Amino acid sequence: MPDYAGSLIDHLNIAVPDLARSLAFYEPVLATLGITKLLRVPASPGQLEMHGFGRDPKPFFWLVADGRVGDDMHLAFTAADRGAVRAFYDAALAAGATSLLPPGLRPEYQPDYYGAFVLDPDGINLEAVCHHAD
């Protein structure tokens, strides 16, 4: 069994109003960071349909059907390098995101903080960030 003790957050569920639209957005965008859809939990009595994304074998980011997205939600994904940040940003825009901040250094956060910010189709503020100097 893998050791997940190094993670500060085990998983995050986001309720979305249009699951098909969100899946069409997140699958290509998260793939740029090596995050793939690993699991689908079908709807059943008392259970909404959910899709879990992560790195094999553990999903840590879940899209949940028929929900209302919360205000001021922000989610940052770790990117392996600055190229992955740029790929995330490009894929997000191609999938329908709105640009907030293009890929670039954000020294106000940390000296090597390289990030890109977009709004997904539901208005969630997404970021890909790399903490390594290139």
C-alpha atoms as a PDB file:
ATOM      1  CA  MET A   1       0.000   0.000   0.000  1.00  0.00           C
ATOM      2  CA  PRO A   2       1.436   3.415  -0.932  1.00  0.00           C
ATOM      3  CA  ASP A   3       2.157   5.851   1.880  1.00  0.00           C
ATOM      4  CA  TYR A   4      -0.047   8.941   1.564  1.00  0.00           C
ATOM      5  CA  ALA A   5       1.130  10.513   4.816  1.00  0.00           C
ATOM      6  CA  GLY A   6       3.035  13.230   2.938  1.00  0.00           C
ATOM      7  CA  SER A   7      -0.190  14.693   1.554  1.00  0.00           C
ATOM      8  CA  LEU A   8      -1.782  17.450   3.566  1.00  0.00           C
ATOM      9  CA  ILE A   9      -5.085  17.085   1.731  1.00  0.00           C
ATOM     10  CA  ASP A  10      -6.346  13.582   1.021  1.00  0.00           C
ATOM     11  CA  HIS A  11      -8.973  14.521  -1.544  1.00  0.00           C
ATOM     12  CA  LEU A  12     -11.247  17.305  -2.727  1.00  0.00           C
ATOM     13  CA  ASN A  13     -14.794  17.025  -4.085  1.00  0.00           C
ATOM     14  CA  ILE A  14     -16.232  19.749  -6.296  1.00  0.00           C
ATOM     15  CA  ALA A  15     -19.943  19.751  -7.030  1.00  0.00           C
ATOM     16  CA  VAL A  16     -20.598  20.863 -10.610  1.00  0.00           C
ATOM     17  CA  PRO A  17     -23.900  21.722 -12.308  1.00  0.00           C
ATOM     18  CA  ASP A  18     -23.011  20.084 -15.650  1.00  0.00           C
ATOM     19  CA  LEU A  19     -20.937  16.936 -15.133  1.00  0.00           C
ATOM     20  CA  ALA A  20     -20.460  16.165 -18.841  1.00  0.00           C
ATOM     21  CA  ARG A  21     -19.158  19.682 -19.517  1.00  0.00           C
ATOM     22  CA  SER A  22     -16.810  19.522 -16.533  1.00  0.00           C
ATOM     23  CA  LEU A  23     -15.465  16.105 -17.565  1.00  0.00           C
ATOM     24  CA  ALA A  24     -14.849  17.389 -21.101  1.00  0.00           C
ATOM     25  CA  PHE A  25     -12.887  20.283 -19.595  1.00  0.00           C
ATOM     26  CA  TYR A  26     -10.915  18.545 -16.840  1.00  0.00           C
ATOM     27  CA  GLU A  27      -9.828  15.356 -18.635  1.00  0.00           C
ATOM     28  CA  PRO A  28      -7.531  17.063 -21.203  1.00  0.00           C
ATOM     29  CA  VAL A  29      -6.448  19.836 -18.839  1.00  0.00           C
ATOM     30  CA  LEU A  30      -5.420  17.572 -15.942  1.00  0.00           C
ATOM     31  CA  ALA A  31      -3.745  15.123 -18.331  1.00  0.00           C
ATOM     32  CA  THR A  32      -1.085  17.790 -18.926  1.00  0.00           C
ATOM     33  CA  LEU A  33      -0.098  17.333 -15.260  1.00  0.00           C
ATOM     34  CA  GLY A  34      -0.169  13.531 -15.300  1.00  0.00           C
ATOM     35  CA  ILE A  35      -3.543  13.443 -13.535  1.00  0.00           C
ATOM     36  CA  THR A  36      -6.082  11.075 -15.089  1.00  0.00           C
ATOM     37  CA  LYS A  37      -9.603   9.873 -14.418  1.00  0.00           C
ATOM     38  CA  LEU A  38      -9.219   6.741 -12.319  1.00  0.00           C
ATOM     39  CA  LEU A  39     -12.684   5.962 -11.041  1.00  0.00           C
ATOM     40  CA  ARG A  40     -16.367   6.508 -11.742  1.00  0.00           C
ATOM     41  CA  VAL A  41     -18.928   6.044  -8.989  1.00  0.00           C
ATOM     42  CA  PRO A  42     -22.364   5.707 -10.609  1.00  0.00           C
ATOM     43  CA  ALA A  43     -25.422   7.371  -9.214  1.00  0.00           C
ATOM     44  CA  SER A  44     -27.480   5.251  -6.842  1.00  0.00           C
ATOM     45  CA  PRO A  45     -30.041   5.958  -4.116  1.00  0.00           C
ATOM     46  CA  GLY A  46     -28.403   8.475  -1.793  1.00  0.00           C
ATOM     47  CA  GLN A  47     -25.280   8.737  -3.999  1.00  0.00           C
ATOM     48  CA  LEU A  48     -24.633  11.259  -6.775  1.00  0.00           C
ATOM     49  CA  GLU A  49     -22.497  10.273  -9.756  1.00  0.00           C
ATOM     50  CA  MET A  50     -18.824  11.064  -9.126  1.00  0.00           C
ATOM     51  CA  HIS A  51     -15.608  10.855 -11.159  1.00  0.00           C
ATOM     52  CA  GLY A  52     -12.261  10.622  -9.363  1.00  0.00           C
ATOM     53  CA  PHE A  53      -9.029  11.980 -10.856  1.00  0.00           C
ATOM     54  CA  GLY A  54      -5.536  11.381  -9.554  1.00  0.00           C
ATOM     55  CA  ARG A  55      -2.331   9.485 -10.070  1.00  0.00           C
ATOM     56  CA  ASP A  56      -2.609   5.718 -10.031  1.00  0.00           C
ATOM     57  CA  PRO A  57      -3.768   4.250  -7.738  1.00  0.00           C
ATOM     58  CA  LYS A  58      -5.340   7.133  -5.767  1.00  0.00           C
ATOM     59  CA  PRO A  59      -7.962   9.625  -6.883  1.00  0.00           C
ATOM     60  CA  PHE A  60      -7.699  12.901  -4.980  1.00  0.00           C
ATOM     61  CA  PHE A  61      -9.843  15.267  -7.063  1.00  0.00           C
ATOM     62  CA  TRP A  62     -13.516  14.414  -7.529  1.00  0.00           C
ATOM     63  CA  LEU A  63     -16.211  15.934  -9.715  1.00  0.00           C
ATOM     64  CA  VAL A  64     -19.677  15.393  -8.280  1.00  0.00           C
ATOM     65  CA  ALA A  65     -22.841  15.679 -10.390  1.00  0.00           C
ATOM     66  CA  ASP A  66     -25.746  18.049  -9.899  1.00  0.00           C
ATOM     67  CA  GLY A  67     -24.126  20.518  -7.560  1.00  0.00           C
ATOM     68  CA  ARG A  68     -23.705  24.228  -7.133  1.00  0.00           C
ATOM     69  CA  VAL A  69     -20.170  25.535  -7.308  1.00  0.00           C
ATOM     70  CA  GLY A  70     -19.056  27.530  -4.271  1.00  0.00           C
ATOM     71  CA  ASP A  71     -17.991  31.148  -4.507  1.00  0.00           C
ATOM     72  CA  ASP A  72     -14.307  32.097  -4.392  1.00  0.00           C
ATOM     73  CA  MET A  73     -13.113  28.533  -4.878  1.00  0.00           C
ATOM     74  CA  HIS A  74      -9.441  28.138  -5.821  1.00  0.00           C
ATOM     75  CA  LEU A  75      -7.594  24.911  -6.556  1.00  0.00           C
ATOM     76  CA  ALA A  76      -3.875  24.701  -7.362  1.00  0.00           C
ATOM     77  CA  PHE A  77      -2.347  21.599  -8.939  1.00  0.00           C
ATOM     78  CA  THR A  78       1.388  20.894  -8.636  1.00  0.00           C
ATOM     79  CA  ALA A  79       3.194  20.768 -11.970  1.00  0.00           C
ATOM     80  CA  ALA A  80       6.468  18.872 -12.454  1.00  0.00           C
ATOM     81  CA  ASP A  81       8.098  21.738 -14.339  1.00  0.00           C
ATOM     82  CA  ARG A  82       7.389  25.058 -16.024  1.00  0.00           C
ATOM     83  CA  GLY A  83       6.612  23.341 -19.326  1.00  0.00           C
ATOM     84  CA  ALA A  84       3.773  21.479 -17.605  1.00  0.00           C
ATOM     85  CA  VAL A  85       2.415  24.806 -16.300  1.00  0.00           C
ATOM     86  CA  ARG A  86       2.383  26.161 -19.849  1.00  0.00           C
ATOM     87  CA  ALA A  87       0.774  22.948 -21.187  1.00  0.00           C
ATOM     88  CA  PHE A  88      -1.918  23.151 -18.481  1.00  0.00           C
ATOM     89  CA  TYR A  89      -2.672  26.762 -19.368  1.00  0.00           C
ATOM     90  CA  ASP A  90      -2.835  26.073 -23.116  1.00  0.00           C
ATOM     91  CA  ALA A  91      -5.025  22.989 -22.635  1.00  0.00           C
ATOM     92  CA  ALA A  92      -7.331  24.875 -20.286  1.00  0.00           C
ATOM     93  CA  LEU A  93      -7.842  27.713 -22.763  1.00  0.00           C
ATOM     94  CA  ALA A  94      -8.426  25.219 -25.584  1.00  0.00           C
ATOM     95  CA  ALA A  95     -11.017  23.453 -23.422  1.00  0.00           C
ATOM     96  CA  GLY A  96     -12.966  26.653 -22.731  1.00  0.00           C
ATOM     97  CA  ALA A  97     -11.286  28.280 -19.729  1.00  0.00           C
ATOM     98  CA  THR A  98     -10.872  32.020 -19.305  1.00  0.00           C
ATOM     99  CA  SER A  99      -7.377  33.324 -18.625  1.00  0.00           C
ATOM    100  CA  LEU A 100      -6.747  35.029 -15.293  1.00  0.00           C
ATOM    101  CA  LEU A 101      -2.934  35.125 -15.324  1.00  0.00           C
ATOM    102  CA  PRO A 102      -0.760  33.576 -18.035  1.00  0.00           C
ATOM    103  CA  PRO A 103       2.219  31.380 -17.113  1.00  0.00           C
ATOM    104  CA  GLY A 104       4.912  33.356 -15.356  1.00  0.00           C
ATOM    105  CA  LEU A 105       6.995  33.901 -12.256  1.00  0.00           C
ATOM    106  CA  ARG A 106       5.099  35.067  -9.185  1.00  0.00           C
ATOM    107  CA  PRO A 107       7.952  36.211  -6.906  1.00  0.00           C
ATOM    108  CA  GLU A 108       5.439  37.817  -4.567  1.00  0.00           C
ATOM    109  CA  TYR A 109       4.628  34.247  -3.422  1.00  0.00           C
ATOM    110  CA  GLN A 110       8.115  32.666  -3.543  1.00  0.00           C
ATOM    111  CA  PRO A 111      11.254  33.325  -5.622  1.00  0.00           C
ATOM    112  CA  ASP A 112      10.785  30.302  -7.937  1.00  0.00           C
ATOM    113  CA  TYR A 113       6.969  30.253  -7.914  1.00  0.00           C
ATOM    114  CA  TYR A 114       5.898  29.773 -11.551  1.00  0.00           C
ATOM    115  CA  GLY A 115       2.155  29.578 -12.059  1.00  0.00           C
ATOM    116  CA  ALA A 116      -0.752  30.071 -14.427  1.00  0.00           C
ATOM    117  CA  PHE A 117      -4.343  30.833 -13.437  1.00  0.00           C
ATOM    118  CA  VAL A 118      -7.601  30.206 -15.324  1.00  0.00           C
ATOM    119  CA  LEU A 119     -11.322  30.093 -14.622  1.00  0.00           C
ATOM    120  CA  ASP A 120     -12.966  26.791 -15.555  1.00  0.00           C
ATOM    121  CA  PRO A 121     -16.395  26.804 -17.282  1.00  0.00           C
ATOM    122  CA  ASP A 122     -18.111  27.044 -13.866  1.00  0.00           C
ATOM    123  CA  GLY A 123     -15.941  29.927 -12.648  1.00  0.00           C
ATOM    124  CA  ILE A 124     -13.579  27.919 -10.423  1.00  0.00           C
ATOM    125  CA  ASN A 125     -10.161  29.538 -10.155  1.00  0.00           C
ATOM    126  CA  LEU A 126      -7.641  26.866 -11.193  1.00  0.00           C
ATOM    127  CA  GLU A 127      -3.885  27.092 -11.071  1.00  0.00           C
ATOM    128  CA  ALA A 128      -0.936  24.974 -12.086  1.00  0.00           C
ATOM    129  CA  VAL A 129       2.224  25.790 -10.150  1.00  0.00           C
ATOM    130  CA  CYS A 130       5.848  24.703 -10.254  1.00  0.00           C
ATOM    131  CA  HIS A 131       8.176  25.562  -7.368  1.00  0.00           C
ATOM    132  CA  HIS A 132      11.415  24.664  -9.178  1.00  0.00           C
ATOM    133  CA  ALA A 133      13.791  26.964 -11.027  1.00  0.00           C
ATOM    134  CA  ASP A 134      14.169  25.983 -14.690  1.00  0.00           C
END
